[in-house]
């Protein structure tokens, strides 16, 4: 399913619109990257530190709508 969504990229107009153009949906993700390192302290020794950096990205994808079943 992911390959199909990636293979059928939406039009540039749909990506630029806010909210997305009709027939498209946007999905946003907010994450935080954390890594450990060392920093020199005022006492001349190194101390372990954790660095955190938040990031966000959005993906616009086409919405396929099927007609309602007729009974």
PDB file of N, CA and C in Angstrom:
ATOM      1  N   UNK A   1       0.820  -1.187   0.000  1.00  0.00           N
ATOM      2  CA  UNK A   1       0.000   0.000   0.000  1.00  0.00           C
ATOM      3  C   UNK A   1       0.864   1.251   0.000  1.00  0.00           C
ATOM      4  N   UNK A   2       1.934   1.249   0.782  1.00  0.00           N
ATOM      5  CA  UNK A   2       2.801   2.428   0.847  1.00  0.00           C
ATOM      6  C   UNK A   2       3.448   2.693  -0.502  1.00  0.00           C
ATOM      7  N   UNK A   3       3.826   1.637  -1.211  1.00  0.00           N
ATOM      8  CA  UNK A   3       4.451   1.814  -2.525  1.00  0.00           C
ATOM      9  C   UNK A   3       3.492   2.465  -3.498  1.00  0.00           C
ATOM     10  N   UNK A   4       2.213   2.119  -3.408  1.00  0.00           N
ATOM     11  CA  UNK A   4       1.208   2.711  -4.285  1.00  0.00           C
ATOM     12  C   UNK A   4       1.059   4.185  -3.978  1.00  0.00           C
ATOM     13  N   UNK A   5       1.013   4.553  -2.693  1.00  0.00           N
ATOM     14  CA  UNK A   5       0.879   5.956  -2.332  1.00  0.00           C
ATOM     15  C   UNK A   5       2.101   6.750  -2.744  1.00  0.00           C
ATOM     16  N   UNK A   6       3.290   6.176  -2.611  1.00  0.00           N
ATOM     17  CA  UNK A   6       4.500   6.884  -2.994  1.00  0.00           C
ATOM     18  C   UNK A   6       4.625   6.994  -4.512  1.00  0.00           C
ATOM     19  N   UNK A   7       4.135   5.985  -5.226  1.00  0.00           N
ATOM     20  CA  UNK A   7       4.245   6.001  -6.677  1.00  0.00           C
ATOM     21  C   UNK A   7       3.285   6.993  -7.309  1.00  0.00           C
ATOM     22  N   UNK A   8       2.180   7.290  -6.651  1.00  0.00           N
ATOM     23  CA  UNK A   8       1.204   8.222  -7.211  1.00  0.00           C
ATOM     24  C   UNK A   8       1.255   9.537  -6.443  1.00  0.00           C
ATOM     25  N   UNK A   9       2.324  10.281  -6.636  1.00  0.00           N
ATOM     26  CA  UNK A   9       2.511  11.552  -5.921  1.00  0.00           C
ATOM     27  C   UNK A   9       1.442  12.548  -6.342  1.00  0.00           C
ATOM     28  N   UNK A  10       0.919  13.325  -5.399  1.00  0.00           N
ATOM     29  CA  UNK A  10      -0.122  14.299  -5.725  1.00  0.00           C
ATOM     30  C   UNK A  10       0.434  15.460  -6.542  1.00  0.00           C
ATOM     31  N   UNK A  11      -0.457  16.178  -7.168  1.00  0.00           N
ATOM     32  CA  UNK A  11      -0.060  17.334  -7.977  1.00  0.00           C
ATOM     33  C   UNK A  11       0.527  18.419  -7.094  1.00  0.00           C
ATOM     34  N   UNK A  12       1.345  19.280  -7.685  1.00  0.00           N
ATOM     35  CA  UNK A  12       1.999  20.357  -6.928  1.00  0.00           C
ATOM     36  C   UNK A  12       0.963  21.289  -6.298  1.00  0.00           C
ATOM     37  N   UNK A  13      -0.140  21.505  -6.983  1.00  0.00           N
ATOM     38  CA  UNK A  13      -1.183  22.378  -6.435  1.00  0.00           C
ATOM     39  C   UNK A  13      -1.782  21.795  -5.166  1.00  0.00           C
ATOM     40  N   UNK A  14      -1.925  20.493  -5.115  1.00  0.00           N
ATOM     41  CA  UNK A  14      -2.485  19.849  -3.926  1.00  0.00           C
ATOM     42  C   UNK A  14      -1.514  19.948  -2.756  1.00  0.00           C
ATOM     43  N   UNK A  15      -0.210  19.865  -3.025  1.00  0.00           N
ATOM     44  CA  UNK A  15       0.781  19.973  -1.952  1.00  0.00           C
ATOM     45  C   UNK A  15       0.851  21.381  -1.412  1.00  0.00           C
ATOM     46  N   UNK A  16       0.663  22.389  -2.270  1.00  0.00           N
ATOM     47  CA  UNK A  16       0.800  23.779  -1.847  1.00  0.00           C
ATOM     48  C   UNK A  16      -0.441  24.291  -1.138  1.00  0.00           C
ATOM     49  N   UNK A  17      -1.584  23.689  -1.363  1.00  0.00           N
ATOM     50  CA  UNK A  17      -2.833  24.170  -0.771  1.00  0.00           C
ATOM     51  C   UNK A  17      -2.884  23.864   0.719  1.00  0.00           C
ATOM     52  N   UNK A  18      -3.481  24.786   1.464  1.00  0.00           N
ATOM     53  CA  UNK A  18      -3.653  24.571   2.898  1.00  0.00           C
ATOM     54  C   UNK A  18      -5.051  24.998   3.272  1.00  0.00           C
ATOM     55  N   UNK A  19      -6.002  24.153   3.491  1.00  0.00           N
ATOM     56  CA  UNK A  19      -5.931  22.696   3.523  1.00  0.00           C
ATOM     57  C   UNK A  19      -5.742  22.115   2.124  1.00  0.00           C
ATOM     58  N   UNK A  20      -5.386  20.835   2.046  1.00  0.00           N
ATOM     59  CA  UNK A  20      -5.144  20.221   0.732  1.00  0.00           C
ATOM     60  C   UNK A  20      -6.357  20.324  -0.190  1.00  0.00           C
ATOM     61  N   UNK A  21      -6.113  20.286  -1.469  1.00  0.00           N
ATOM     62  CA  UNK A  21      -7.173  20.365  -2.470  1.00  0.00           C
ATOM     63  C   UNK A  21      -8.123  19.177  -2.333  1.00  0.00           C
ATOM     64  N   UNK A  22      -9.284  19.309  -2.952  1.00  0.00           N
ATOM     65  CA  UNK A  22     -10.277  18.234  -2.899  1.00  0.00           C
ATOM     66  C   UNK A  22      -9.678  16.950  -3.463  1.00  0.00           C
ATOM     67  N   UNK A  23      -9.927  15.847  -2.792  1.00  0.00           N
ATOM     68  CA  UNK A  23      -9.407  14.563  -3.234  1.00  0.00           C
ATOM     69  C   UNK A  23      -8.066  14.209  -2.622  1.00  0.00           C
ATOM     70  N   UNK A  24      -7.540  15.069  -1.747  1.00  0.00           N
ATOM     71  CA  UNK A  24      -6.255  14.825  -1.095  1.00  0.00           C
ATOM     72  C   UNK A  24      -6.388  15.006   0.405  1.00  0.00           C
ATOM     73  N   UNK A  25      -5.564  14.315   1.164  1.00  0.00           N
ATOM     74  CA  UNK A  25      -5.514  14.450   2.620  1.00  0.00           C
ATOM     75  C   UNK A  25      -4.074  14.688   3.037  1.00  0.00           C
ATOM     76  N   UNK A  26      -3.890  15.341   4.183  1.00  0.00           N
ATOM     77  CA  UNK A  26      -2.546  15.582   4.715  1.00  0.00           C
ATOM     78  C   UNK A  26      -2.395  14.834   6.028  1.00  0.00           C
ATOM     79  N   UNK A  27      -1.221  14.288   6.248  1.00  0.00           N
ATOM     80  CA  UNK A  27      -0.901  13.593   7.491  1.00  0.00           C
ATOM     81  C   UNK A  27       0.379  14.227   8.035  1.00  0.00           C
ATOM     82  N   UNK A  28       0.332  14.749   9.253  1.00  0.00           N
ATOM     83  CA  UNK A  28       1.497  15.402   9.852  1.00  0.00           C
ATOM     84  C   UNK A  28       2.047  14.559  10.994  1.00  0.00           C
ATOM     85  N   UNK A  29       3.360  14.567  11.126  1.00  0.00           N
ATOM     86  CA  UNK A  29       4.040  13.805  12.169  1.00  0.00           C
ATOM     87  C   UNK A  29       4.996  14.734  12.900  1.00  0.00           C
ATOM     88  N   UNK A  30       4.971  14.688  14.212  1.00  0.00           N
ATOM     89  CA  UNK A  30       5.900  15.456  15.040  1.00  0.00           C
ATOM     90  C   UNK A  30       6.692  14.466  15.878  1.00  0.00           C
ATOM     91  N   UNK A  31       7.999  14.492  15.762  1.00  0.00           N
ATOM     92  CA  UNK A  31       8.880  13.574  16.487  1.00  0.00           C
ATOM     93  C   UNK A  31      10.020  14.353  17.134  1.00  0.00           C
ATOM     94  N   UNK A  32      10.713  13.706  18.027  1.00  0.00           N
ATOM     95  CA  UNK A  32      11.888  14.286  18.668  1.00  0.00           C
ATOM     96  C   UNK A  32      13.058  13.320  18.529  1.00  0.00           C
ATOM     97  N   UNK A  33      14.181  13.837  18.032  1.00  0.00           N
ATOM     98  CA  UNK A  33      15.406  13.046  17.951  1.00  0.00           C
ATOM     99  C   UNK A  33      16.216  13.367  19.197  1.00  0.00           C
ATOM    100  N   UNK A  34      16.720  12.348  19.854  1.00  0.00           N
ATOM    101  CA  UNK A  34      17.558  12.548  21.047  1.00  0.00           C
ATOM    102  C   UNK A  34      18.846  11.760  20.876  1.00  0.00           C
ATOM    103  N   UNK A  35      19.955  12.375  21.200  1.00  0.00           N
ATOM    104  CA  UNK A  35      21.222  11.660  21.190  1.00  0.00           C
ATOM    105  C   UNK A  35      22.053  12.112  22.374  1.00  0.00           C
ATOM    106  N   UNK A  36      22.968  11.242  22.777  1.00  0.00           N
ATOM    107  CA  UNK A  36      23.797  11.497  23.947  1.00  0.00           C
ATOM    108  C   UNK A  36      25.180  11.950  23.505  1.00  0.00           C
ATOM    109  N   UNK A  37      25.765  12.829  24.302  1.00  0.00           N
ATOM    110  CA  UNK A  37      27.093  13.329  23.992  1.00  0.00           C
ATOM    111  C   UNK A  37      27.772  13.821  25.261  1.00  0.00           C
ATOM    112  N   UNK A  38      28.844  14.556  25.073  1.00  0.00           N
ATOM    113  CA  UNK A  38      29.609  15.075  26.192  1.00  0.00           C
ATOM    114  C   UNK A  38      29.806  16.574  26.011  1.00  0.00           C
ATOM    115  N   UNK A  39      29.777  17.314  27.114  1.00  0.00           N
ATOM    116  CA  UNK A  39      30.001  18.758  27.077  1.00  0.00           C
ATOM    117  C   UNK A  39      30.929  19.136  28.225  1.00  0.00           C
ATOM    118  N   UNK A  40      31.812  20.092  27.936  1.00  0.00           N
ATOM    119  CA  UNK A  40      32.732  20.551  28.971  1.00  0.00           C
ATOM    120  C   UNK A  40      31.990  21.424  29.975  1.00  0.00           C
ATOM    121  N   UNK A  41      32.213  21.153  31.240  1.00  0.00           N
ATOM    122  CA  UNK A  41      31.581  21.940  32.293  1.00  0.00           C
ATOM    123  C   UNK A  41      32.496  23.057  32.767  1.00  0.00           C
ATOM    124  N   UNK A  42      31.957  23.913  33.618  1.00  0.00           N
ATOM    125  CA  UNK A  42      32.734  25.019  34.157  1.00  0.00           C
ATOM    126  C   UNK A  42      33.862  24.566  35.068  1.00  0.00           C
ATOM    127  N   UNK A  43      33.792  23.338  35.554  1.00  0.00           N
ATOM    128  CA  UNK A  43      34.830  22.812  36.446  1.00  0.00           C
ATOM    129  C   UNK A  43      35.970  22.141  35.678  1.00  0.00           C
ATOM    130  N   UNK A  44      35.956  22.209  34.332  1.00  0.00           N
ATOM    131  CA  UNK A  44      37.029  21.640  33.534  1.00  0.00           C
ATOM    132  C   UNK A  44      36.866  20.164  33.227  1.00  0.00           C
ATOM    133  N   UNK A  45      35.760  19.555  33.658  1.00  0.00           N
ATOM    134  CA  UNK A  45      35.517  18.139  33.370  1.00  0.00           C
ATOM    135  C   UNK A  45      34.394  18.027  32.345  1.00  0.00           C
ATOM    136  N   UNK A  46      34.364  16.889  31.672  1.00  0.00           N
ATOM    137  CA  UNK A  46      33.285  16.621  30.723  1.00  0.00           C
ATOM    138  C   UNK A  46      32.143  15.910  31.430  1.00  0.00           C
ATOM    139  N   UNK A  47      30.915  16.281  31.041  1.00  0.00           N
ATOM    140  CA  UNK A  47      29.714  15.708  31.634  1.00  0.00           C
ATOM    141  C   UNK A  47      28.821  15.169  30.525  1.00  0.00           C
ATOM    142  N   UNK A  48      28.111  14.049  30.780  1.00  0.00           N
ATOM    143  CA  UNK A  48      27.187  13.530  29.757  1.00  0.00           C
ATOM    144  C   UNK A  48      25.985  14.460  29.620  1.00  0.00           C
ATOM    145  N   UNK A  49      25.562  14.670  28.379  1.00  0.00           N
ATOM    146  CA  UNK A  49      24.396  15.500  28.095  1.00  0.00           C
ATOM    147  C   UNK A  49      23.509  14.772  27.084  1.00  0.00           C
ATOM    148  N   UNK A  50      22.239  15.110  27.086  1.00  0.00           N
ATOM    149  CA  UNK A  50      21.294  14.601  26.102  1.00  0.00           C
ATOM    150  C   UNK A  50      20.798  15.786  25.285  1.00  0.00           C
ATOM    151  N   UNK A  51      20.923  15.682  23.973  1.00  0.00           N
ATOM    152  CA  UNK A  51      20.477  16.746  23.077  1.00  0.00           C
ATOM    153  C   UNK A  51      19.195  16.267  22.409  1.00  0.00           C
ATOM    154  N   UNK A  52      18.166  17.098  22.453  1.00  0.00           N
ATOM    155  CA  UNK A  52      16.878  16.758  21.838  1.00  0.00           C
ATOM    156  C   UNK A  52      16.540  17.794  20.776  1.00  0.00           C
ATOM    157  N   UNK A  53      16.114  17.316  19.620  1.00  0.00           N
ATOM    158  CA  UNK A  53      15.748  18.211  18.535  1.00  0.00           C
ATOM    159  C   UNK A  53      14.398  17.766  17.967  1.00  0.00           C
ATOM    160  N   UNK A  54      13.357  18.593  18.113  1.00  0.00           N
ATOM    161  CA  UNK A  54      12.058  18.232  17.545  1.00  0.00           C
ATOM    162  C   UNK A  54      12.025  18.533  16.038  1.00  0.00           C
ATOM    163  N   UNK A  55      11.273  17.740  15.297  1.00  0.00           N
ATOM    164  CA  UNK A  55      11.064  17.998  13.885  1.00  0.00           C
ATOM    165  C   UNK A  55       9.668  17.547  13.502  1.00  0.00           C
ATOM    166  N   UNK A  56       9.142  18.130  12.443  1.00  0.00           N
ATOM    167  CA  UNK A  56       7.805  17.789  11.956  1.00  0.00           C
ATOM    168  C   UNK A  56       7.838  17.715  10.433  1.00  0.00           C
ATOM    169  N   UNK A  57       7.013  16.853   9.872  1.00  0.00           N
ATOM    170  CA  UNK A  57       6.866  16.805   8.430  1.00  0.00           C
ATOM    171  C   UNK A  57       5.442  16.401   8.099  1.00  0.00           C
ATOM    172  N   UNK A  58       5.007  16.773   6.904  1.00  0.00           N
ATOM    173  CA  UNK A  58       3.659  16.465   6.438  1.00  0.00           C
ATOM    174  C   UNK A  58       3.732  15.734   5.106  1.00  0.00           C
ATOM    175  N   UNK A  59       2.787  14.843   4.903  1.00  0.00           N
ATOM    176  CA  UNK A  59       2.677  14.099   3.650  1.00  0.00           C
ATOM    177  C   UNK A  59       1.270  14.300   3.123  1.00  0.00           C
ATOM    178  N   UNK A  60       1.160  14.667   1.852  1.00  0.00           N
ATOM    179  CA  UNK A  60      -0.145  14.817   1.200  1.00  0.00           C
ATOM    180  C   UNK A  60      -0.324  13.626   0.274  1.00  0.00           C
ATOM    181  N   UNK A  61      -1.465  12.960   0.390  1.00  0.00           N
ATOM    182  CA  UNK A  61      -1.698  11.777  -0.434  1.00  0.00           C
ATOM    183  C   UNK A  61      -3.109  11.804  -0.998  1.00  0.00           C
ATOM    184  N   UNK A  62      -3.322  11.152  -2.153  1.00  0.00           N
ATOM    185  CA  UNK A  62      -4.654  11.135  -2.759  1.00  0.00           C
ATOM    186  C   UNK A  62      -5.601  10.235  -1.971  1.00  0.00           C
ATOM    187  N   UNK A  63      -6.847  10.633  -1.932  1.00  0.00           N
ATOM    188  CA  UNK A  63      -7.877   9.850  -1.245  1.00  0.00           C
ATOM    189  C   UNK A  63      -8.741   9.192  -2.318  1.00  0.00           C
ATOM    190  N   UNK A  64      -8.806   7.883  -2.267  1.00  0.00           N
ATOM    191  CA  UNK A  64      -9.607   7.136  -3.221  1.00  0.00           C
ATOM    192  C   UNK A  64     -10.962   6.879  -2.583  1.00  0.00           C
ATOM    193  N   UNK A  65     -11.992   7.304  -3.243  1.00  0.00           N
ATOM    194  CA  UNK A  65     -13.339   7.103  -2.711  1.00  0.00           C
ATOM    195  C   UNK A  65     -14.093   6.144  -3.621  1.00  0.00           C
ATOM    196  N   UNK A  66     -14.694   5.159  -2.995  1.00  0.00           N
ATOM    197  CA  UNK A  66     -15.473   4.176  -3.732  1.00  0.00           C
ATOM    198  C   UNK A  66     -16.941   4.513  -3.565  1.00  0.00           C
ATOM    199  N   UNK A  67     -17.739   4.295  -4.601  1.00  0.00           N
ATOM    200  CA  UNK A  67     -19.177   4.565  -4.481  1.00  0.00           C
ATOM    201  C   UNK A  67     -19.828   3.650  -3.452  1.00  0.00           C
ATOM    202  N   UNK A  68     -20.873   4.143  -2.813  1.00  0.00           N
ATOM    203  CA  UNK A  68     -21.596   3.340  -1.829  1.00  0.00           C
ATOM    204  C   UNK A  68     -22.273   2.162  -2.528  1.00  0.00           C
ATOM    205  N   UNK A  69     -22.297   1.023  -1.862  1.00  0.00           N
ATOM    206  CA  UNK A  69     -22.935  -0.157  -2.485  1.00  0.00           C
ATOM    207  C   UNK A  69     -24.450   0.060  -2.630  1.00  0.00           C
ATOM    208  N   UNK A  70     -24.983  -0.433  -3.713  1.00  0.00           N
ATOM    209  CA  UNK A  70     -26.425  -0.341  -3.967  1.00  0.00           C
ATOM    210  C   UNK A  70     -27.033  -1.712  -3.723  1.00  0.00           C
ATOM    211  N   UNK A  71     -28.064  -1.757  -2.884  1.00  0.00           N
ATOM    212  CA  UNK A  71     -28.689  -3.046  -2.553  1.00  0.00           C
ATOM    213  C   UNK A  71     -29.981  -3.206  -3.270  1.00  0.00           C
TER     214      UNK A  71
END
